[in-house]
Amino acid sequence: MKKLVIVSLVLILMVGLLGGFALAQGKKPKIAWCPAIDDPFYYMIGKGIADKAKELGLELFVSEYPKAWGPEIQVPILEAVAARGDIDVIITGPTSKEALIAPLKRIHDSGIEIITVDTYIGDGDYSKPSEYSFPLTFIGTDNFQGGVEVAHHLAEMIGKKGKVFIETTNPDVSSVVERVEGFKKGMSEYPDIEIVGVEYNLDVQEKAQQQVAAALQANPDIVGVFGTNLYSAQGAYQAVVNAGLTGAVKIASWDATEDLIKALREGKVDLVLAQKPYEIGTLAVEAAYQYFVEGKEIPKRMVPRFFFFTRDNVDDPESQQYIYRAD
């Protein structure tokens, strides 16, 4: 009996040592953060990535922040990062659902894992086999549900009747496509509300301002505008201010930049949906750490919640954490 106990203890000790050896072999990955564009939202994701990487003791390389949105700008940056030869995982926001599939697949096949944040490739379902299911995970807001909830808020603000307009960015970017679809779904519940148009500004605020100004001229009875991202919303409210329609045309906006929060306080914007980019960044690094170091299986989709700013809560102390700050 005594011999049996000793053998058991030895086996337990060996298992423990082997387990510890296996964990010690877990490689700490070198992460590359490749933002899709130079804006406050992506800076906040980068801030979350940097803080979490420092906390976990991971090396981090940050590529340049592109001045404009698009595959023609993003792909060469990604390829240059991959060519460094010392990167284990790239975190990025694909600037196109389709055009980024092949470039990211080539990078993945070279031995670099991919995590997509904010936007995805294909239909975003990485859980089933497909040509775009290779990323470790997608981490981003439920944009469709956000669009639905923005529609309900705006409908209430305009008395559930009248004409509304959508100002958005690109027709092939997953995040804003879902916001528009969600907004249309939400508005479909209000028979006395008509969506009179959708315009695409390609992430150029001046173009957004011009498009909303043209929509107001073509439809002087517009009572509400949904700006689907920071450039769209900032251009939209500037057009409404220039037309002397502040307050008469309600502005529902997406992304809590300091500009839009200031406009909310001044009555130029009526609603701001804040995503949680800092949390998106921290989750991405945690996923990389768990995959490489702990050998864990990573969920194929992670969805942080969002927060609505109104003039009633914009100055509440607990709301301040959701503002996108560049510092």
C-alpha atoms as a PDB file:
ATOM      1  CA  MET A   1       0.000   0.000   0.000  1.00  0.00           C
ATOM      2  CA  LYS A   2       2.836   2.319   0.979  1.00  0.00           C
ATOM      3  CA  LYS A   3       4.545   1.579  -2.341  1.00  0.00           C
ATOM      4  CA  LEU A   4       1.348   2.398  -4.210  1.00  0.00           C
ATOM      5  CA  VAL A   5       1.054   5.767  -2.446  1.00  0.00           C
ATOM      6  CA  ILE A   6       4.658   6.642  -3.301  1.00  0.00           C
ATOM      7  CA  VAL A   7       4.150   5.722  -6.962  1.00  0.00           C
ATOM      8  CA  SER A   8       1.006   7.854  -7.069  1.00  0.00           C
ATOM      9  CA  LEU A   9       2.803  10.851  -5.584  1.00  0.00           C
ATOM     10  CA  VAL A  10       5.593  10.484  -8.108  1.00  0.00           C
ATOM     11  CA  LEU A  11       3.092  10.369 -10.952  1.00  0.00           C
ATOM     12  CA  ILE A  12       1.296  13.446  -9.635  1.00  0.00           C
ATOM     13  CA  LEU A  13       4.636  15.255  -9.332  1.00  0.00           C
ATOM     14  CA  MET A  14       5.580  14.275 -12.890  1.00  0.00           C
ATOM     15  CA  VAL A  15       2.243  15.471 -14.258  1.00  0.00           C
ATOM     16  CA  GLY A  16       2.681  18.742 -12.414  1.00  0.00           C
ATOM     17  CA  LEU A  17       6.197  19.193 -13.742  1.00  0.00           C
ATOM     18  CA  LEU A  18       5.139  18.350 -17.279  1.00  0.00           C
ATOM     19  CA  GLY A  19       2.210  20.766 -16.990  1.00  0.00           C
ATOM     20  CA  GLY A  20       4.537  23.472 -15.784  1.00  0.00           C
ATOM     21  CA  PHE A  21       6.987  22.667 -18.570  1.00  0.00           C
ATOM     22  CA  ALA A  22       4.201  22.891 -21.160  1.00  0.00           C
ATOM     23  CA  LEU A  23       3.058  26.289 -19.826  1.00  0.00           C
ATOM     24  CA  ALA A  24       6.661  27.497 -19.783  1.00  0.00           C
ATOM     25  CA  GLN A  25       6.883  26.615 -23.484  1.00  0.00           C
ATOM     26  CA  GLY A  26       3.950  28.941 -24.239  1.00  0.00           C
ATOM     27  CA  LYS A  27       5.444  31.613 -26.440  1.00  0.00           C
ATOM     28  CA  LYS A  28       4.731  35.236 -25.626  1.00  0.00           C
ATOM     29  CA  PRO A  29       3.654  36.626 -28.996  1.00  0.00           C
ATOM     30  CA  LYS A  30       4.986  39.788 -30.563  1.00  0.00           C
ATOM     31  CA  ILE A  31       1.939  41.815 -31.564  1.00  0.00           C
ATOM     32  CA  ALA A  32       1.569  44.274 -34.422  1.00  0.00           C
ATOM     33  CA  TRP A  33      -1.212  46.855 -34.280  1.00  0.00           C
ATOM     34  CA  CYS A  34      -2.131  48.049 -37.767  1.00  0.00           C
ATOM     35  CA  PRO A  35      -4.896  50.671 -37.466  1.00  0.00           C
ATOM     36  CA  ALA A  36      -7.235  51.237 -40.399  1.00  0.00           C
ATOM     37  CA  ILE A  37      -7.238  55.028 -40.197  1.00  0.00           C
ATOM     38  CA  ASP A  38      -5.964  57.986 -38.217  1.00  0.00           C
ATOM     39  CA  ASP A  39      -8.962  58.864 -36.050  1.00  0.00           C
ATOM     40  CA  PRO A  40      -9.879  59.040 -32.334  1.00  0.00           C
ATOM     41  CA  PHE A  41     -11.709  55.699 -32.382  1.00  0.00           C
ATOM     42  CA  TYR A  42      -8.674  53.809 -33.650  1.00  0.00           C
ATOM     43  CA  TYR A  43      -6.389  55.702 -31.270  1.00  0.00           C
ATOM     44  CA  MET A  44      -8.544  54.457 -28.404  1.00  0.00           C
ATOM     45  CA  ILE A  45      -8.256  50.866 -29.645  1.00  0.00           C
ATOM     46  CA  GLY A  46      -4.494  51.375 -29.857  1.00  0.00           C
ATOM     47  CA  LYS A  47      -4.414  52.744 -26.331  1.00  0.00           C
ATOM     48  CA  GLY A  48      -6.191  49.651 -25.031  1.00  0.00           C
ATOM     49  CA  ILE A  49      -3.780  47.421 -26.944  1.00  0.00           C
ATOM     50  CA  ALA A  50      -0.718  49.232 -25.612  1.00  0.00           C
ATOM     51  CA  ASP A  51      -1.887  49.204 -21.996  1.00  0.00           C
ATOM     52  CA  LYS A  52      -2.822  45.519 -22.021  1.00  0.00           C
ATOM     53  CA  ALA A  53       0.391  44.509 -23.840  1.00  0.00           C
ATOM     54  CA  LYS A  54       2.437  46.338 -21.214  1.00  0.00           C
ATOM     55  CA  GLU A  55       0.461  44.678 -18.413  1.00  0.00           C
ATOM     56  CA  LEU A  56       1.058  41.206 -19.876  1.00  0.00           C
ATOM     57  CA  GLY A  57       4.690  41.844 -20.787  1.00  0.00           C
ATOM     58  CA  LEU A  58       4.190  41.489 -24.555  1.00  0.00           C
ATOM     59  CA  GLU A  59       6.215  43.173 -27.266  1.00  0.00           C
ATOM     60  CA  LEU A  60       4.196  45.535 -29.447  1.00  0.00           C
ATOM     61  CA  PHE A  61       4.878  47.092 -32.826  1.00  0.00           C
ATOM     62  CA  VAL A  62       2.570  49.871 -34.030  1.00  0.00           C
ATOM     63  CA  SER A  63       2.386  50.672 -37.737  1.00  0.00           C
ATOM     64  CA  GLU A  64       1.534  54.093 -39.104  1.00  0.00           C
ATOM     65  CA  TYR A  65      -1.993  55.452 -38.771  1.00  0.00           C
ATOM     66  CA  PRO A  66      -3.223  55.899 -42.401  1.00  0.00           C
ATOM     67  CA  LYS A  67      -4.565  59.348 -43.241  1.00  0.00           C
ATOM     68  CA  ALA A  68      -7.324  57.906 -45.412  1.00  0.00           C
ATOM     69  CA  TRP A  69      -9.477  54.770 -45.507  1.00  0.00           C
ATOM     70  CA  GLY A  70      -9.117  52.042 -48.112  1.00  0.00           C
ATOM     71  CA  PRO A  71      -7.477  48.768 -49.190  1.00  0.00           C
ATOM     72  CA  GLU A  72      -5.076  50.548 -51.532  1.00  0.00           C
ATOM     73  CA  ILE A  73      -3.562  52.275 -48.503  1.00  0.00           C
ATOM     74  CA  GLN A  74      -3.948  49.519 -45.921  1.00  0.00           C
ATOM     75  CA  VAL A  75      -2.644  46.479 -47.833  1.00  0.00           C
ATOM     76  CA  PRO A  76       0.922  47.794 -48.433  1.00  0.00           C
ATOM     77  CA  ILE A  77       1.173  48.654 -44.733  1.00  0.00           C
ATOM     78  CA  LEU A  78       0.056  45.169 -43.705  1.00  0.00           C
ATOM     79  CA  GLU A  79       2.453  43.525 -46.147  1.00  0.00           C
ATOM     80  CA  ALA A  80       5.364  45.617 -44.892  1.00  0.00           C
ATOM     81  CA  VAL A  81       4.589  44.671 -41.298  1.00  0.00           C
ATOM     82  CA  ALA A  82       4.385  40.984 -42.206  1.00  0.00           C
ATOM     83  CA  ALA A  83       7.721  41.240 -44.063  1.00  0.00           C
ATOM     84  CA  ARG A  84       9.493  42.268 -40.838  1.00  0.00           C
ATOM     85  CA  GLY A  85       9.666  38.586 -39.963  1.00  0.00           C
ATOM     86  CA  ASP A  86       9.300  39.038 -36.206  1.00  0.00           C
ATOM     87  CA  ILE A  87       5.520  39.376 -35.834  1.00  0.00           C
ATOM     88  CA  ASP A  88       3.327  36.581 -34.428  1.00  0.00           C
ATOM     89  CA  VAL A  89      -0.094  38.218 -34.614  1.00  0.00           C
ATOM     90  CA  ILE A  90      -1.517  41.240 -36.424  1.00  0.00           C
ATOM     91  CA  ILE A  91      -4.481  43.143 -34.999  1.00  0.00           C
ATOM     92  CA  THR A  92      -6.246  45.255 -37.611  1.00  0.00           C
ATOM     93  CA  GLY A  93      -9.575  46.590 -38.860  1.00  0.00           C
ATOM     94  CA  PRO A  94     -10.131  45.475 -42.477  1.00  0.00           C
ATOM     95  CA  THR A  95     -11.109  48.421 -44.663  1.00  0.00           C
ATOM     96  CA  SER A  96     -13.172  46.213 -46.968  1.00  0.00           C
ATOM     97  CA  LYS A  97     -15.204  43.061 -46.418  1.00  0.00           C
ATOM     98  CA  GLU A  98     -14.020  41.514 -49.688  1.00  0.00           C
ATOM     99  CA  ALA A  99     -10.803  43.231 -50.805  1.00  0.00           C
ATOM    100  CA  LEU A 100      -8.930  42.351 -47.596  1.00  0.00           C
ATOM    101  CA  ILE A 101      -9.680  38.605 -47.669  1.00  0.00           C
ATOM    102  CA  ALA A 102      -6.849  37.620 -50.034  1.00  0.00           C
ATOM    103  CA  PRO A 103      -4.112  39.888 -48.554  1.00  0.00           C
ATOM    104  CA  LEU A 104      -4.871  38.816 -44.987  1.00  0.00           C
ATOM    105  CA  LYS A 105      -5.049  35.154 -46.052  1.00  0.00           C
ATOM    106  CA  ARG A 106      -1.566  35.403 -47.596  1.00  0.00           C
ATOM    107  CA  ILE A 107      -0.227  36.910 -44.384  1.00  0.00           C
ATOM    108  CA  HIS A 108      -1.933  34.231 -42.304  1.00  0.00           C
ATOM    109  CA  ASP A 109      -0.531  31.469 -44.517  1.00  0.00           C
ATOM    110  CA  SER A 110       2.963  32.876 -43.932  1.00  0.00           C
ATOM    111  CA  GLY A 111       2.584  31.987 -40.245  1.00  0.00           C
ATOM    112  CA  ILE A 112       1.098  35.151 -38.723  1.00  0.00           C
ATOM    113  CA  GLU A 113      -2.207  34.972 -36.847  1.00  0.00           C
ATOM    114  CA  ILE A 114      -4.846  37.616 -37.585  1.00  0.00           C
ATOM    115  CA  ILE A 115      -7.313  39.308 -35.207  1.00  0.00           C
ATOM    116  CA  THR A 116      -9.842  41.708 -36.748  1.00  0.00           C
ATOM    117  CA  VAL A 117     -11.309  44.535 -34.690  1.00  0.00           C
ATOM    118  CA  ASP A 118     -14.111  46.997 -35.434  1.00  0.00           C
ATOM    119  CA  THR A 119     -14.634  45.558 -38.932  1.00  0.00           C
ATOM    120  CA  TYR A 120     -14.485  42.034 -40.349  1.00  0.00           C
ATOM    121  CA  ILE A 121     -13.960  40.190 -43.624  1.00  0.00           C
ATOM    122  CA  GLY A 122     -16.613  38.169 -45.459  1.00  0.00           C
ATOM    123  CA  ASP A 123     -19.804  37.954 -43.449  1.00  0.00           C
ATOM    124  CA  GLY A 124     -17.870  38.050 -40.172  1.00  0.00           C
ATOM    125  CA  ASP A 125     -18.746  34.486 -39.194  1.00  0.00           C
ATOM    126  CA  TYR A 126     -15.318  32.926 -38.583  1.00  0.00           C
ATOM    127  CA  SER A 127     -16.851  29.879 -36.862  1.00  0.00           C
ATOM    128  CA  LYS A 128     -17.683  27.973 -40.043  1.00  0.00           C
ATOM    129  CA  PRO A 129     -15.224  26.857 -42.754  1.00  0.00           C
ATOM    130  CA  SER A 130     -14.830  29.430 -45.502  1.00  0.00           C
ATOM    131  CA  GLU A 131     -12.168  31.358 -47.385  1.00  0.00           C
ATOM    132  CA  TYR A 132     -12.351  34.041 -44.683  1.00  0.00           C
ATOM    133  CA  SER A 133     -12.627  31.953 -41.477  1.00  0.00           C
ATOM    134  CA  PHE A 134      -8.881  31.991 -40.718  1.00  0.00           C
ATOM    135  CA  PRO A 135      -8.727  34.959 -38.250  1.00  0.00           C
ATOM    136  CA  LEU A 136      -8.497  33.988 -34.589  1.00  0.00           C
ATOM    137  CA  THR A 137     -11.460  36.177 -33.730  1.00  0.00           C
ATOM    138  CA  PHE A 138     -13.473  39.294 -34.516  1.00  0.00           C
ATOM    139  CA  ILE A 139     -13.948  41.851 -31.733  1.00  0.00           C
ATOM    140  CA  GLY A 140     -16.338  44.721 -32.323  1.00  0.00           C
ATOM    141  CA  THR A 141     -19.645  46.415 -31.601  1.00  0.00           C
ATOM    142  CA  ASP A 142     -23.004  44.901 -32.567  1.00  0.00           C
ATOM    143  CA  ASN A 143     -23.460  47.524 -35.253  1.00  0.00           C
ATOM    144  CA  PHE A 144     -26.808  46.222 -36.486  1.00  0.00           C
ATOM    145  CA  GLN A 145     -28.353  46.405 -33.011  1.00  0.00           C
ATOM    146  CA  GLY A 146     -26.798  49.825 -32.495  1.00  0.00           C
ATOM    147  CA  GLY A 147     -28.429  51.018 -35.717  1.00  0.00           C
ATOM    148  CA  VAL A 148     -31.800  49.673 -34.559  1.00  0.00           C
ATOM    149  CA  GLU A 149     -31.529  51.462 -31.213  1.00  0.00           C
ATOM    150  CA  VAL A 150     -30.407  54.732 -32.834  1.00  0.00           C
ATOM    151  CA  ALA A 151     -33.521  54.548 -35.039  1.00  0.00           C
ATOM    152  CA  HIS A 152     -35.798  54.190 -32.029  1.00  0.00           C
ATOM    153  CA  HIS A 153     -34.165  57.126 -30.232  1.00  0.00           C
ATOM    154  CA  LEU A 154     -34.360  59.360 -33.320  1.00  0.00           C
ATOM    155  CA  ALA A 155     -37.982  58.349 -33.963  1.00  0.00           C
ATOM    156  CA  GLU A 156     -38.889  59.471 -30.452  1.00  0.00           C
ATOM    157  CA  MET A 157     -37.056  62.777 -30.918  1.00  0.00           C
ATOM    158  CA  ILE A 158     -38.990  63.635 -34.110  1.00  0.00           C
ATOM    159  CA  GLY A 159     -42.396  62.567 -32.823  1.00  0.00           C
ATOM    160  CA  LYS A 160     -42.406  59.341 -34.863  1.00  0.00           C
ATOM    161  CA  LYS A 161     -43.078  61.115 -38.159  1.00  0.00           C
ATOM    162  CA  GLY A 162     -41.289  62.997 -40.927  1.00  0.00           C
ATOM    163  CA  LYS A 163     -38.365  62.546 -43.312  1.00  0.00           C
ATOM    164  CA  VAL A 164     -34.931  61.360 -42.240  1.00  0.00           C
ATOM    165  CA  PHE A 165     -31.614  61.034 -44.046  1.00  0.00           C
ATOM    166  CA  ILE A 166     -28.607  58.722 -43.594  1.00  0.00           C
ATOM    167  CA  GLU A 167     -25.037  59.979 -43.996  1.00  0.00           C
ATOM    168  CA  THR A 168     -22.516  57.126 -44.039  1.00  0.00           C
ATOM    169  CA  THR A 169     -19.036  56.227 -45.271  1.00  0.00           C
ATOM    170  CA  ASN A 170     -18.447  53.180 -47.487  1.00  0.00           C
ATOM    171  CA  PRO A 171     -20.768  50.583 -49.069  1.00  0.00           C
ATOM    172  CA  ASP A 172     -18.342  47.675 -48.512  1.00  0.00           C
ATOM    173  CA  VAL A 173     -17.262  48.158 -44.893  1.00  0.00           C
ATOM    174  CA  SER A 174     -18.941  45.763 -42.485  1.00  0.00           C
ATOM    175  CA  SER A 175     -19.429  48.109 -39.548  1.00  0.00           C
ATOM    176  CA  VAL A 176     -21.229  50.960 -41.304  1.00  0.00           C
ATOM    177  CA  VAL A 177     -23.188  48.627 -43.599  1.00  0.00           C
ATOM    178  CA  GLU A 178     -24.672  46.968 -40.498  1.00  0.00           C
ATOM    179  CA  ARG A 179     -25.422  50.342 -38.898  1.00  0.00           C
ATOM    180  CA  VAL A 180     -27.396  51.433 -41.948  1.00  0.00           C
ATOM    181  CA  GLU A 181     -29.239  48.107 -42.151  1.00  0.00           C
ATOM    182  CA  GLY A 182     -30.063  48.215 -38.441  1.00  0.00           C
ATOM    183  CA  PHE A 183     -31.271  51.807 -38.713  1.00  0.00           C
ATOM    184  CA  LYS A 184     -33.566  50.905 -41.627  1.00  0.00           C
ATOM    185  CA  LYS A 185     -34.905  47.936 -39.670  1.00  0.00           C
ATOM    186  CA  GLY A 186     -35.635  50.116 -36.655  1.00  0.00           C
ATOM    187  CA  MET A 187     -37.314  52.815 -38.725  1.00  0.00           C
ATOM    188  CA  SER A 188     -39.482  50.210 -40.486  1.00  0.00           C
ATOM    189  CA  GLU A 189     -41.566  50.119 -37.309  1.00  0.00           C
ATOM    190  CA  TYR A 190     -42.685  53.737 -37.850  1.00  0.00           C
ATOM    191  CA  PRO A 191     -45.037  54.016 -40.851  1.00  0.00           C
ATOM    192  CA  ASP A 192     -45.041  57.822 -40.752  1.00  0.00           C
ATOM    193  CA  ILE A 193     -41.257  58.106 -41.073  1.00  0.00           C
ATOM    194  CA  GLU A 194     -39.645  58.094 -44.523  1.00  0.00           C
ATOM    195  CA  ILE A 195     -35.923  57.579 -45.201  1.00  0.00           C
ATOM    196  CA  VAL A 196     -35.313  59.912 -48.144  1.00  0.00           C
ATOM    197  CA  GLY A 197     -31.729  58.993 -48.932  1.00  0.00           C
ATOM    198  CA  VAL A 198     -28.365  57.416 -48.110  1.00  0.00           C
ATOM    199  CA  GLU A 199     -25.061  59.027 -49.120  1.00  0.00           C
ATOM    200  CA  TYR A 200     -21.474  57.724 -48.916  1.00  0.00           C
ATOM    201  CA  ASN A 201     -18.676  60.160 -48.041  1.00  0.00           C
ATOM    202  CA  LEU A 202     -15.723  57.711 -47.991  1.00  0.00           C
ATOM    203  CA  ASP A 203     -14.651  58.983 -44.569  1.00  0.00           C
ATOM    204  CA  VAL A 204     -14.233  62.557 -45.746  1.00  0.00           C
ATOM    205  CA  GLN A 205     -15.925  65.006 -43.386  1.00  0.00           C
ATOM    206  CA  GLU A 206     -16.095  67.837 -45.932  1.00  0.00           C
ATOM    207  CA  LYS A 207     -17.857  65.546 -48.373  1.00  0.00           C
ATOM    208  CA  ALA A 208     -20.331  64.511 -45.671  1.00  0.00           C
ATOM    209  CA  GLN A 209     -21.096  68.160 -44.983  1.00  0.00           C
ATOM    210  CA  GLN A 210     -21.690  68.830 -48.700  1.00  0.00           C
ATOM    211  CA  GLN A 211     -23.926  65.778 -49.095  1.00  0.00           C
ATOM    212  CA  VAL A 212     -26.105  66.645 -46.097  1.00  0.00           C
ATOM    213  CA  ALA A 213     -26.370  70.263 -47.284  1.00  0.00           C
ATOM    214  CA  ALA A 214     -27.544  68.999 -50.689  1.00  0.00           C
ATOM    215  CA  ALA A 215     -30.066  66.669 -49.047  1.00  0.00           C
ATOM    216  CA  LEU A 216     -31.488  69.551 -46.997  1.00  0.00           C
ATOM    217  CA  GLN A 217     -31.888  71.628 -50.149  1.00  0.00           C
ATOM    218  CA  ALA A 218     -33.585  68.772 -52.011  1.00  0.00           C
ATOM    219  CA  ASN A 219     -35.817  67.923 -49.038  1.00  0.00           C
ATOM    220  CA  PRO A 220     -36.368  71.054 -46.897  1.00  0.00           C
ATOM    221  CA  ASP A 221     -38.712  69.106 -44.629  1.00  0.00           C
ATOM    222  CA  ILE A 222     -36.061  66.674 -43.374  1.00  0.00           C
ATOM    223  CA  VAL A 223     -36.372  66.462 -39.581  1.00  0.00           C
ATOM    224  CA  GLY A 224     -33.633  63.986 -38.709  1.00  0.00           C
ATOM    225  CA  VAL A 225     -30.167  62.837 -39.838  1.00  0.00           C
ATOM    226  CA  PHE A 226     -28.234  59.725 -38.793  1.00  0.00           C
ATOM    227  CA  GLY A 227     -24.453  60.062 -39.129  1.00  0.00           C
ATOM    228  CA  THR A 228     -23.011  56.534 -39.017  1.00  0.00           C
ATOM    229  CA  ASN A 229     -19.493  57.419 -37.892  1.00  0.00           C
ATOM    230  CA  LEU A 230     -17.544  60.386 -36.623  1.00  0.00           C
ATOM    231  CA  TYR A 231     -16.809  61.933 -40.034  1.00  0.00           C
ATOM    232  CA  SER A 232     -20.384  61.435 -41.186  1.00  0.00           C
ATOM    233  CA  ALA A 233     -21.857  62.882 -37.997  1.00  0.00           C
ATOM    234  CA  GLN A 234     -19.446  65.815 -37.729  1.00  0.00           C
ATOM    235  CA  GLY A 235     -20.130  66.757 -41.359  1.00  0.00           C
ATOM    236  CA  ALA A 236     -23.881  66.335 -40.843  1.00  0.00           C
ATOM    237  CA  TYR A 237     -24.201  68.639 -37.879  1.00  0.00           C
ATOM    238  CA  GLN A 238     -22.019  71.285 -39.526  1.00  0.00           C
ATOM    239  CA  ALA A 239     -24.349  71.277 -42.543  1.00  0.00           C
ATOM    240  CA  VAL A 240     -27.387  71.641 -40.290  1.00  0.00           C
ATOM    241  CA  VAL A 241     -25.744  74.475 -38.342  1.00  0.00           C
ATOM    242  CA  ASN A 242     -24.819  76.274 -41.583  1.00  0.00           C
ATOM    243  CA  ALA A 243     -28.409  75.922 -42.820  1.00  0.00           C
ATOM    244  CA  GLY A 244     -29.676  77.571 -39.631  1.00  0.00           C
ATOM    245  CA  LEU A 245     -31.641  74.452 -38.728  1.00  0.00           C
ATOM    246  CA  THR A 246     -30.053  73.585 -35.381  1.00  0.00           C
ATOM    247  CA  GLY A 247     -32.715  72.035 -33.188  1.00  0.00           C
ATOM    248  CA  ALA A 248     -35.232  71.779 -36.047  1.00  0.00           C
ATOM    249  CA  VAL A 249     -33.274  68.897 -37.603  1.00  0.00           C
ATOM    250  CA  LYS A 250     -32.295  66.315 -35.028  1.00  0.00           C
ATOM    251  CA  ILE A 251     -28.855  64.716 -35.343  1.00  0.00           C
ATOM    252  CA  ALA A 252     -28.233  61.157 -34.156  1.00  0.00           C
ATOM    253  CA  SER A 253     -24.529  60.378 -34.282  1.00  0.00           C
ATOM    254  CA  TRP A 254     -22.163  57.455 -33.881  1.00  0.00           C
ATOM    255  CA  ASP A 255     -18.807  57.707 -32.063  1.00  0.00           C
ATOM    256  CA  ALA A 256     -18.114  59.772 -28.963  1.00  0.00           C
ATOM    257  CA  THR A 257     -15.353  62.079 -30.177  1.00  0.00           C
ATOM    258  CA  GLU A 258     -14.640  65.183 -28.127  1.00  0.00           C
ATOM    259  CA  ASP A 259     -16.001  67.235 -31.050  1.00  0.00           C
ATOM    260  CA  LEU A 260     -19.347  65.411 -31.031  1.00  0.00           C
ATOM    261  CA  ILE A 261     -19.630  65.517 -27.232  1.00  0.00           C
ATOM    262  CA  LYS A 262     -19.018  69.278 -27.340  1.00  0.00           C
ATOM    263  CA  ALA A 263     -21.656  69.594 -30.080  1.00  0.00           C
ATOM    264  CA  LEU A 264     -24.075  67.614 -27.910  1.00  0.00           C
ATOM    265  CA  ARG A 265     -23.543  70.002 -24.999  1.00  0.00           C
ATOM    266  CA  GLU A 266     -24.103  72.958 -27.370  1.00  0.00           C
ATOM    267  CA  GLY A 267     -27.359  71.547 -28.750  1.00  0.00           C
ATOM    268  CA  LYS A 268     -25.947  70.950 -32.257  1.00  0.00           C
ATOM    269  CA  VAL A 269     -26.188  67.154 -31.872  1.00  0.00           C
ATOM    270  CA  ASP A 270     -28.975  65.320 -30.066  1.00  0.00           C
ATOM    271  CA  LEU A 271     -27.675  61.793 -29.504  1.00  0.00           C
ATOM    272  CA  VAL A 272     -24.246  60.137 -29.494  1.00  0.00           C
ATOM    273  CA  LEU A 273     -23.650  56.391 -29.513  1.00  0.00           C
ATOM    274  CA  ALA A 274     -20.311  55.573 -27.898  1.00  0.00           C
ATOM    275  CA  GLN A 275     -18.590  52.318 -28.752  1.00  0.00           C
ATOM    276  CA  LYS A 276     -15.987  50.903 -26.381  1.00  0.00           C
ATOM    277  CA  PRO A 277     -12.759  50.998 -28.413  1.00  0.00           C
ATOM    278  CA  TYR A 278     -10.443  50.797 -25.389  1.00  0.00           C
ATOM    279  CA  GLU A 279     -12.130  47.550 -24.329  1.00  0.00           C
ATOM    280  CA  ILE A 280     -11.898  46.229 -27.898  1.00  0.00           C
ATOM    281  CA  GLY A 281      -8.137  46.791 -27.771  1.00  0.00           C
ATOM    282  CA  THR A 282      -7.646  45.085 -24.430  1.00  0.00           C
ATOM    283  CA  LEU A 283      -9.747  42.095 -25.481  1.00  0.00           C
ATOM    284  CA  ALA A 284      -7.664  41.660 -28.638  1.00  0.00           C
ATOM    285  CA  VAL A 285      -4.405  41.447 -26.670  1.00  0.00           C
ATOM    286  CA  GLU A 286      -5.936  39.131 -24.077  1.00  0.00           C
ATOM    287  CA  ALA A 287      -7.065  36.837 -26.913  1.00  0.00           C
ATOM    288  CA  ALA A 288      -3.545  36.743 -28.366  1.00  0.00           C
ATOM    289  CA  TYR A 289      -2.050  36.018 -24.939  1.00  0.00           C
ATOM    290  CA  GLN A 290      -4.531  33.256 -24.170  1.00  0.00           C
ATOM    291  CA  TYR A 291      -3.978  31.636 -27.564  1.00  0.00           C
ATOM    292  CA  PHE A 292      -0.180  31.723 -27.611  1.00  0.00           C
ATOM    293  CA  VAL A 293       0.759  31.492 -23.948  1.00  0.00           C
ATOM    294  CA  GLU A 294      -2.091  29.551 -22.379  1.00  0.00           C
ATOM    295  CA  GLY A 295      -3.074  27.475 -25.399  1.00  0.00           C
ATOM    296  CA  LYS A 296      -6.735  28.344 -24.996  1.00  0.00           C
ATOM    297  CA  GLU A 297      -9.383  28.217 -27.677  1.00  0.00           C
ATOM    298  CA  ILE A 298     -10.520  31.736 -28.510  1.00  0.00           C
ATOM    299  CA  PRO A 299     -14.195  32.634 -29.129  1.00  0.00           C
ATOM    300  CA  LYS A 300     -14.627  33.525 -32.785  1.00  0.00           C
ATOM    301  CA  ARG A 301     -16.609  36.654 -31.939  1.00  0.00           C
ATOM    302  CA  MET A 302     -16.529  39.054 -28.990  1.00  0.00           C
ATOM    303  CA  VAL A 303     -18.992  41.938 -28.763  1.00  0.00           C
ATOM    304  CA  PRO A 304     -18.552  44.769 -26.226  1.00  0.00           C
ATOM    305  CA  ARG A 305     -21.670  46.812 -25.497  1.00  0.00           C
ATOM    306  CA  PHE A 306     -22.200  50.469 -26.380  1.00  0.00           C
ATOM    307  CA  PHE A 307     -23.416  53.540 -24.508  1.00  0.00           C
ATOM    308  CA  PHE A 308     -25.743  56.417 -25.412  1.00  0.00           C
ATOM    309  CA  PHE A 309     -24.891  60.012 -24.552  1.00  0.00           C
ATOM    310  CA  THR A 310     -27.764  62.506 -24.254  1.00  0.00           C
ATOM    311  CA  ARG A 311     -27.778  66.044 -22.909  1.00  0.00           C
ATOM    312  CA  ASP A 312     -29.184  64.608 -19.665  1.00  0.00           C
ATOM    313  CA  ASN A 313     -26.164  62.373 -18.951  1.00  0.00           C
ATOM    314  CA  VAL A 314     -23.311  63.953 -20.919  1.00  0.00           C
ATOM    315  CA  ASP A 315     -21.779  65.512 -17.808  1.00  0.00           C
ATOM    316  CA  ASP A 316     -22.354  62.592 -15.438  1.00  0.00           C
ATOM    317  CA  PRO A 317     -19.030  61.453 -13.944  1.00  0.00           C
ATOM    318  CA  GLU A 318     -19.598  57.830 -14.951  1.00  0.00           C
ATOM    319  CA  SER A 319     -20.236  58.834 -18.578  1.00  0.00           C
ATOM    320  CA  GLN A 320     -16.829  60.431 -19.053  1.00  0.00           C
ATOM    321  CA  GLN A 321     -15.043  57.081 -19.500  1.00  0.00           C
ATOM    322  CA  TYR A 322     -16.829  56.570 -22.841  1.00  0.00           C
ATOM    323  CA  ILE A 323     -15.495  59.710 -24.530  1.00  0.00           C
ATOM    324  CA  TYR A 324     -12.792  59.030 -27.137  1.00  0.00           C
ATOM    325  CA  ARG A 325      -9.787  61.021 -25.941  1.00  0.00           C
ATOM    326  CA  ALA A 326      -6.610  61.443 -27.938  1.00  0.00           C
ATOM    327  CA  ASP A 327      -4.399  61.968 -24.860  1.00  0.00           C
END
